[in-house]
Amino acid sequence: IHGKVEFLSLASRGEPLLCPDIEKMLAYT
């Protein structure tokens, strides 16, 4: 989606900070 979608949310049904890889995910964005 990089370059195709500009508006993105990291959230939906659960709490995103519970994801073990959330810090690596944030770095990748």
PDB file of all heavy atoms in Angstrom:
ATOM      1  N   ILE A   1       0.803  -1.227   0.000  1.00  0.00           N
ATOM      2  CA  ILE A   1       0.000   0.000   0.000  1.00  0.00           C
ATOM      3  C   ILE A   1       0.831   1.270   0.000  1.00  0.00           C
ATOM      4  O   ILE A   1       0.299   2.353  -0.248  1.00  0.00           O
ATOM      5  CB  ILE A   1      -0.981   0.023   1.190  1.00  0.00           C
ATOM      6  CG1 ILE A   1      -0.235   0.083   2.531  1.00  0.00           C
ATOM      7  CG2 ILE A   1      -1.922  -1.172   1.119  1.00  0.00           C
ATOM      8  CD1 ILE A   1      -1.146   0.293   3.730  1.00  0.00           C
ATOM      9  N   HIS A   2       2.137   1.167   0.283  1.00  0.00           N
ATOM     10  CA  HIS A   2       2.995   2.357   0.303  1.00  0.00           C
ATOM     11  C   HIS A   2       2.931   3.065  -1.052  1.00  0.00           C
ATOM     12  O   HIS A   2       3.210   2.484  -2.092  1.00  0.00           O
ATOM     13  CB  HIS A   2       4.436   1.956   0.626  1.00  0.00           C
ATOM     14  CG  HIS A   2       5.371   3.117   0.696  1.00  0.00           C
ATOM     15  ND1 HIS A   2       6.725   2.991   0.419  1.00  0.00           N
ATOM     16  CD2 HIS A   2       5.167   4.431   0.993  1.00  0.00           C
ATOM     17  CE1 HIS A   2       7.298   4.173   0.565  1.00  0.00           C
ATOM     18  NE2 HIS A   2       6.383   5.054   0.906  1.00  0.00           N
ATOM     19  N   GLY A   3       2.545   4.333  -1.038  1.00  0.00           N
ATOM     20  CA  GLY A   3       2.415   5.100  -2.261  1.00  0.00           C
ATOM     21  C   GLY A   3       1.056   4.992  -2.918  1.00  0.00           C
ATOM     22  O   GLY A   3       0.784   5.691  -3.901  1.00  0.00           O
ATOM     23  N   LYS A   4       0.206   4.121  -2.392  1.00  0.00           N
ATOM     24  CA  LYS A   4      -1.138   3.929  -2.958  1.00  0.00           C
ATOM     25  C   LYS A   4      -2.230   4.344  -1.976  1.00  0.00           C
ATOM     26  O   LYS A   4      -3.264   4.865  -2.379  1.00  0.00           O
ATOM     27  CB  LYS A   4      -1.331   2.469  -3.360  1.00  0.00           C
ATOM     28  CG  LYS A   4      -0.300   1.954  -4.360  1.00  0.00           C
ATOM     29  CD  LYS A   4      -0.551   0.500  -4.686  1.00  0.00           C
ATOM     30  CE  LYS A   4       0.469  -0.040  -5.687  1.00  0.00           C
ATOM     31  NZ  LYS A   4       1.789  -0.230  -5.061  1.00  0.00           N
ATOM     32  N   VAL A   5      -2.009   4.070  -0.694  1.00  0.00           N
ATOM     33  CA  VAL A   5      -2.928   4.482   0.371  1.00  0.00           C
ATOM     34  C   VAL A   5      -2.152   5.424   1.283  1.00  0.00           C
ATOM     35  O   VAL A   5      -1.056   5.085   1.728  1.00  0.00           O
ATOM     36  CB  VAL A   5      -3.438   3.276   1.175  1.00  0.00           C
ATOM     37  CG1 VAL A   5      -4.348   3.725   2.314  1.00  0.00           C
ATOM     38  CG2 VAL A   5      -4.171   2.286   0.270  1.00  0.00           C
ATOM     39  N   GLU A   6      -2.721   6.592   1.566  1.00  0.00           N
ATOM     40  CA  GLU A   6      -2.016   7.579   2.386  1.00  0.00           C
ATOM     41  C   GLU A   6      -2.587   7.704   3.800  1.00  0.00           C
ATOM     42  O   GLU A   6      -1.930   8.236   4.682  1.00  0.00           O
ATOM     43  CB  GLU A   6      -2.048   8.948   1.711  1.00  0.00           C
ATOM     44  CG  GLU A   6      -1.233   9.030   0.428  1.00  0.00           C
ATOM     45  CD  GLU A   6       0.275   9.033   0.664  1.00  0.00           C
ATOM     46  OE1 GLU A   6       0.702   8.958   1.828  1.00  0.00           O
ATOM     47  OE2 GLU A   6       1.020   9.115  -0.325  1.00  0.00           O
ATOM     48  N   PHE A   7      -3.808   7.237   4.008  1.00  0.00           N
ATOM     49  CA  PHE A   7      -4.439   7.313   5.326  1.00  0.00           C
ATOM     50  C   PHE A   7      -4.563   5.901   5.884  1.00  0.00           C
ATOM     51  O   PHE A   7      -5.211   5.040   5.282  1.00  0.00           O
ATOM     52  CB  PHE A   7      -5.821   7.965   5.237  1.00  0.00           C
ATOM     53  CG  PHE A   7      -5.816   9.384   4.754  1.00  0.00           C
ATOM     54  CD1 PHE A   7      -6.997   9.994   4.365  1.00  0.00           C
ATOM     55  CD2 PHE A   7      -4.655  10.129   4.690  1.00  0.00           C
ATOM     56  CE1 PHE A   7      -7.029  11.307   3.926  1.00  0.00           C
ATOM     57  CE2 PHE A   7      -4.653  11.440   4.252  1.00  0.00           C
ATOM     58  CZ  PHE A   7      -5.839  12.034   3.862  1.00  0.00           C
ATOM     59  N   LEU A   8      -3.972   5.689   7.048  1.00  0.00           N
ATOM     60  CA  LEU A   8      -3.864   4.353   7.622  1.00  0.00           C
ATOM     61  C   LEU A   8      -4.106   4.412   9.118  1.00  0.00           C
ATOM     62  O   LEU A   8      -3.696   5.370   9.787  1.00  0.00           O
ATOM     63  CB  LEU A   8      -2.450   3.798   7.356  1.00  0.00           C
ATOM     64  CG  LEU A   8      -2.074   2.450   7.957  1.00  0.00           C
ATOM     65  CD1 LEU A   8      -2.836   1.330   7.268  1.00  0.00           C
ATOM     66  CD2 LEU A   8      -0.562   2.218   7.819  1.00  0.00           C
ATOM     67  N   SER A   9      -4.799   3.402   9.649  1.00  0.00           N
ATOM     68  CA  SER A   9      -4.961   3.264  11.100  1.00  0.00           C
ATOM     69  C   SER A   9      -4.370   1.939  11.555  1.00  0.00           C
ATOM     70  O   SER A   9      -4.567   0.913  10.900  1.00  0.00           O
ATOM     71  CB  SER A   9      -6.440   3.286  11.499  1.00  0.00           C
ATOM     72  OG  SER A   9      -6.899   4.587  11.709  1.00  0.00           O
ATOM     73  N   LEU A  10      -3.669   1.990  12.684  1.00  0.00           N
ATOM     74  CA  LEU A  10      -3.248   0.764  13.362  1.00  0.00           C
ATOM     75  C   LEU A  10      -4.160   0.580  14.562  1.00  0.00           C
ATOM     76  O   LEU A  10      -3.836   0.964  15.682  1.00  0.00           O
ATOM     77  CB  LEU A  10      -1.784   0.859  13.802  1.00  0.00           C
ATOM     78  CG  LEU A  10      -0.751   1.031  12.697  1.00  0.00           C
ATOM     79  CD1 LEU A  10       0.660   0.932  13.268  1.00  0.00           C
ATOM     80  CD2 LEU A  10      -0.944   0.011  11.593  1.00  0.00           C
ATOM     81  N   ALA A  11      -5.317   0.048  14.295  1.00  0.00           N
ATOM     82  CA  ALA A  11      -6.311  -0.191  15.346  1.00  0.00           C
ATOM     83  C   ALA A  11      -7.512  -0.811  14.674  1.00  0.00           C
ATOM     84  O   ALA A  11      -7.780  -0.553  13.504  1.00  0.00           O
ATOM     85  CB  ALA A  11      -6.732   1.096  16.039  1.00  0.00           C
ATOM     86  N   SER A  12      -8.200  -1.631  15.395  1.00  0.00           N
ATOM     87  CA  SER A  12      -9.494  -2.082  14.925  1.00  0.00           C
ATOM     88  C   SER A  12     -10.221  -2.752  16.064  1.00  0.00           C
ATOM     89  O   SER A  12     -10.721  -2.102  16.961  1.00  0.00           O
ATOM     90  CB  SER A  12      -9.373  -3.001  13.707  1.00  0.00           C
ATOM     91  OG  SER A  12     -10.560  -2.916  12.949  1.00  0.00           O
ATOM     92  N   ARG A  13     -10.199  -4.071  16.122  1.00  0.00           N
ATOM     93  CA  ARG A  13     -11.021  -4.722  17.138  1.00  0.00           C
ATOM     94  C   ARG A  13     -10.332  -4.795  18.494  1.00  0.00           C
ATOM     95  O   ARG A  13     -11.008  -4.913  19.523  1.00  0.00           O
ATOM     96  CB  ARG A  13     -11.397  -6.128  16.662  1.00  0.00           C
ATOM     97  CG  ARG A  13     -12.240  -6.137  15.396  1.00  0.00           C
ATOM     98  CD  ARG A  13     -12.518  -7.537  14.901  1.00  0.00           C
ATOM     99  NE  ARG A  13     -11.287  -8.230  14.517  1.00  0.00           N
ATOM    100  CZ  ARG A  13     -11.251  -9.493  14.073  1.00  0.00           C
ATOM    101  NH1 ARG A  13     -12.389 -10.184  13.976  1.00  0.00           N
ATOM    102  NH2 ARG A  13     -10.104 -10.043  13.728  1.00  0.00           N
ATOM    103  N   GLY A  14      -9.000  -4.735  18.548  1.00  0.00           N
ATOM    104  CA  GLY A  14      -8.282  -4.921  19.797  1.00  0.00           C
ATOM    105  C   GLY A  14      -7.388  -3.749  20.162  1.00  0.00           C
ATOM    106  O   GLY A  14      -7.432  -2.690  19.544  1.00  0.00           O
ATOM    107  N   GLU A  15      -6.549  -3.971  21.161  1.00  0.00           N
ATOM    108  CA  GLU A  15      -5.597  -2.973  21.646  1.00  0.00           C
ATOM    109  C   GLU A  15      -4.255  -3.190  20.942  1.00  0.00           C
ATOM    110  O   GLU A  15      -3.591  -4.208  21.158  1.00  0.00           O
ATOM    111  CB  GLU A  15      -5.438  -3.093  23.156  1.00  0.00           C
ATOM    112  CG  GLU A  15      -4.255  -2.351  23.759  1.00  0.00           C
ATOM    113  CD  GLU A  15      -4.214  -0.878  23.396  1.00  0.00           C
ATOM    114  OE1 GLU A  15      -5.245  -0.184  23.551  1.00  0.00           O
ATOM    115  OE2 GLU A  15      -3.143  -0.416  22.951  1.00  0.00           O
ATOM    116  N   PRO A  16      -3.817  -2.256  20.095  1.00  0.00           N
ATOM    117  CA  PRO A  16      -2.603  -2.482  19.298  1.00  0.00           C
ATOM    118  C   PRO A  16      -1.337  -2.666  20.123  1.00  0.00           C
ATOM    119  O   PRO A  16      -0.419  -3.370  19.703  1.00  0.00           O
ATOM    120  CB  PRO A  16      -2.523  -1.244  18.406  1.00  0.00           C
ATOM    121  CG  PRO A  16      -3.394  -0.227  19.060  1.00  0.00           C
ATOM    122  CD  PRO A  16      -4.467  -0.975  19.754  1.00  0.00           C
ATOM    123  N   LEU A  17      -1.253  -2.040  21.306  1.00  0.00           N
ATOM    124  CA  LEU A  17      -0.029  -2.151  22.097  1.00  0.00           C
ATOM    125  C   LEU A  17       0.140  -3.533  22.716  1.00  0.00           C
ATOM    126  O   LEU A  17       1.200  -3.836  23.270  1.00  0.00           O
ATOM    127  CB  LEU A  17      -0.002  -1.079  23.185  1.00  0.00           C
ATOM    128  CG  LEU A  17       0.049   0.369  22.698  1.00  0.00           C
ATOM    129  CD1 LEU A  17       0.239   1.328  23.871  1.00  0.00           C
ATOM    130  CD2 LEU A  17       1.143   0.586  21.660  1.00  0.00           C
ATOM    131  N   LEU A  18      -0.865  -4.387  22.601  1.00  0.00           N
ATOM    132  CA  LEU A  18      -0.729  -5.777  23.055  1.00  0.00           C
ATOM    133  C   LEU A  18       0.053  -6.631  22.059  1.00  0.00           C
ATOM    134  O   LEU A  18       0.536  -7.705  22.416  1.00  0.00           O
ATOM    135  CB  LEU A  18      -2.103  -6.402  23.277  1.00  0.00           C
ATOM    136  CG  LEU A  18      -2.753  -6.193  24.646  1.00  0.00           C
ATOM    137  CD1 LEU A  18      -4.204  -6.653  24.621  1.00  0.00           C
ATOM    138  CD2 LEU A  18      -1.984  -6.940  25.728  1.00  0.00           C
ATOM    139  N   CYS A  19       0.168  -6.162  20.824  1.00  0.00           N
ATOM    140  CA  CYS A  19       0.883  -6.946  19.815  1.00  0.00           C
ATOM    141  C   CYS A  19       2.373  -6.988  20.149  1.00  0.00           C
ATOM    142  O   CYS A  19       3.004  -5.941  20.328  1.00  0.00           O
ATOM    143  CB  CYS A  19       0.689  -6.316  18.435  1.00  0.00           C
ATOM    144  SG  CYS A  19       1.537  -7.207  17.111  1.00  0.00           S
ATOM    145  N   PRO A  20       2.969  -8.180  20.242  1.00  0.00           N
ATOM    146  CA  PRO A  20       4.388  -8.279  20.613  1.00  0.00           C
ATOM    147  C   PRO A  20       5.324  -7.522  19.663  1.00  0.00           C
ATOM    148  O   PRO A  20       6.401  -7.074  20.077  1.00  0.00           O
ATOM    149  CB  PRO A  20       4.658  -9.784  20.567  1.00  0.00           C
ATOM    150  CG  PRO A  20       3.326 -10.427  20.747  1.00  0.00           C
ATOM    151  CD  PRO A  20       2.349  -9.500  20.092  1.00  0.00           C
ATOM    152  N   ASP A  21       4.927  -7.383  18.392  1.00  0.00           N
ATOM    153  CA  ASP A  21       5.791  -6.744  17.394  1.00  0.00           C
ATOM    154  C   ASP A  21       5.410  -5.304  17.096  1.00  0.00           C
ATOM    155  O   ASP A  21       5.865  -4.732  16.099  1.00  0.00           O
ATOM    156  CB  ASP A  21       5.752  -7.554  16.090  1.00  0.00           C
ATOM    157  CG  ASP A  21       6.479  -8.881  16.195  1.00  0.00           C
ATOM    158  OD1 ASP A  21       7.570  -8.912  16.800  1.00  0.00           O
ATOM    159  OD2 ASP A  21       5.949  -9.885  15.685  1.00  0.00           O
ATOM    160  N   ILE A  22       4.621  -4.686  17.952  1.00  0.00           N
ATOM    161  CA  ILE A  22       4.111  -3.351  17.625  1.00  0.00           C
ATOM    162  C   ILE A  22       5.237  -2.333  17.445  1.00  0.00           C
ATOM    163  O   ILE A  22       5.163  -1.460  16.570  1.00  0.00           O
ATOM    164  CB  ILE A  22       3.100  -2.856  18.693  1.00  0.00           C
ATOM    165  CG1 ILE A  22       2.406  -1.569  18.227  1.00  0.00           C
ATOM    166  CG2 ILE A  22       3.767  -2.671  20.047  1.00  0.00           C
ATOM    167  CD1 ILE A  22       1.574  -1.723  16.973  1.00  0.00           C
ATOM    168  N   GLU A  23       6.310  -2.416  18.213  1.00  0.00           N
ATOM    169  CA  GLU A  23       7.389  -1.431  18.067  1.00  0.00           C
ATOM    170  C   GLU A  23       8.094  -1.589  16.727  1.00  0.00           C
ATOM    171  O   GLU A  23       8.423  -0.602  16.064  1.00  0.00           O
ATOM    172  CB  GLU A  23       8.364  -1.552  19.236  1.00  0.00           C
ATOM    173  CG  GLU A  23       7.727  -1.175  20.576  1.00  0.00           C
ATOM    174  CD  GLU A  23       8.726  -1.189  21.722  1.00  0.00           C
ATOM    175  OE1 GLU A  23       9.946  -1.062  21.462  1.00  0.00           O
ATOM    176  OE2 GLU A  23       8.294  -1.302  22.879  1.00  0.00           O
ATOM    177  N   LYS A  24       8.286  -2.826  16.286  1.00  0.00           N
ATOM    178  CA  LYS A  24       8.890  -3.060  14.972  1.00  0.00           C
ATOM    179  C   LYS A  24       7.938  -2.629  13.856  1.00  0.00           C
ATOM    180  O   LYS A  24       8.369  -2.121  12.814  1.00  0.00           O
ATOM    181  CB  LYS A  24       9.261  -4.525  14.828  1.00  0.00           C
ATOM    182  CG  LYS A  24      10.366  -4.984  15.773  1.00  0.00           C
ATOM    183  CD  LYS A  24      10.639  -6.467  15.639  1.00  0.00           C
ATOM    184  CE  LYS A  24      11.711  -6.926  16.616  1.00  0.00           C
ATOM    185  NZ  LYS A  24      11.939  -8.399  16.549  1.00  0.00           N
ATOM    186  N   MET A  25       6.658  -2.825  14.065  1.00  0.00           N
ATOM    187  CA  MET A  25       5.670  -2.383  13.081  1.00  0.00           C
ATOM    188  C   MET A  25       5.707  -0.869  12.920  1.00  0.00           C
ATOM    189  O   MET A  25       5.695  -0.340  11.800  1.00  0.00           O
ATOM    190  CB  MET A  25       4.270  -2.833  13.504  1.00  0.00           C
ATOM    191  CG  MET A  25       4.033  -4.323  13.424  1.00  0.00           C
ATOM    192  SD  MET A  25       2.395  -4.768  14.076  1.00  0.00           S
ATOM    193  CE  MET A  25       2.312  -6.515  13.647  1.00  0.00           C
ATOM    194  N   LEU A  26       5.753  -0.165  14.044  1.00  0.00           N
ATOM    195  CA  LEU A  26       5.798   1.288  13.984  1.00  0.00           C
ATOM    196  C   LEU A  26       7.048   1.769  13.252  1.00  0.00           C
ATOM    197  O   LEU A  26       6.996   2.702  12.438  1.00  0.00           O
ATOM    198  CB  LEU A  26       5.752   1.867  15.401  1.00  0.00           C
ATOM    199  CG  LEU A  26       4.410   1.708  16.129  1.00  0.00           C
ATOM    200  CD1 LEU A  26       4.563   2.063  17.601  1.00  0.00           C
ATOM    201  CD2 LEU A  26       3.338   2.568  15.484  1.00  0.00           C
ATOM    202  N   ALA A  27       8.166   1.142  13.524  1.00  0.00           N
ATOM    203  CA  ALA A  27       9.408   1.520  12.847  1.00  0.00           C
ATOM    204  C   ALA A  27       9.294   1.318  11.338  1.00  0.00           C
ATOM    205  O   ALA A  27       9.833   2.110  10.550  1.00  0.00           O
ATOM    206  CB  ALA A  27      10.575   0.718  13.410  1.00  0.00           C
ATOM    207  N   TYR A  28       8.577   0.286  10.927  1.00  0.00           N
ATOM    208  CA  TYR A  28       8.460  -0.030   9.504  1.00  0.00           C
ATOM    209  C   TYR A  28       7.573   0.973   8.759  1.00  0.00           C
ATOM    210  O   TYR A  28       7.658   1.067   7.525  1.00  0.00           O
ATOM    211  CB  TYR A  28       7.912  -1.446   9.327  1.00  0.00           C
ATOM    212  CG  TYR A  28       8.218  -2.052   7.978  1.00  0.00           C
ATOM    213  CD1 TYR A  28       9.520  -2.446   7.661  1.00  0.00           C
ATOM    214  CD2 TYR A  28       7.221  -2.205   7.016  1.00  0.00           C
ATOM    215  CE1 TYR A  28       9.809  -2.994   6.422  1.00  0.00           C
ATOM    216  CE2 TYR A  28       7.498  -2.759   5.776  1.00  0.00           C
ATOM    217  CZ  TYR A  28       8.799  -3.148   5.486  1.00  0.00           C
ATOM    218  OH  TYR A  28       9.089  -3.684   4.252  1.00  0.00           O
ATOM    219  N   THR A  29       6.742   1.708   9.474  1.00  0.00           N
ATOM    220  CA  THR A  29       5.868   2.682   8.819  1.00  0.00           C
ATOM    221  C   THR A  29       6.504   4.062   8.684  1.00  0.00           C
ATOM    222  O   THR A  29       5.931   4.942   8.035  1.00  0.00           O
ATOM    223  CB  THR A  29       4.552   2.857   9.613  1.00  0.00           C
ATOM    224  OG1 THR A  29       4.836   3.449  10.896  1.00  0.00           O
ATOM    225  CG2 THR A  29       3.835   1.541   9.803  1.00  0.00           C
TER     226      THR A  29
END
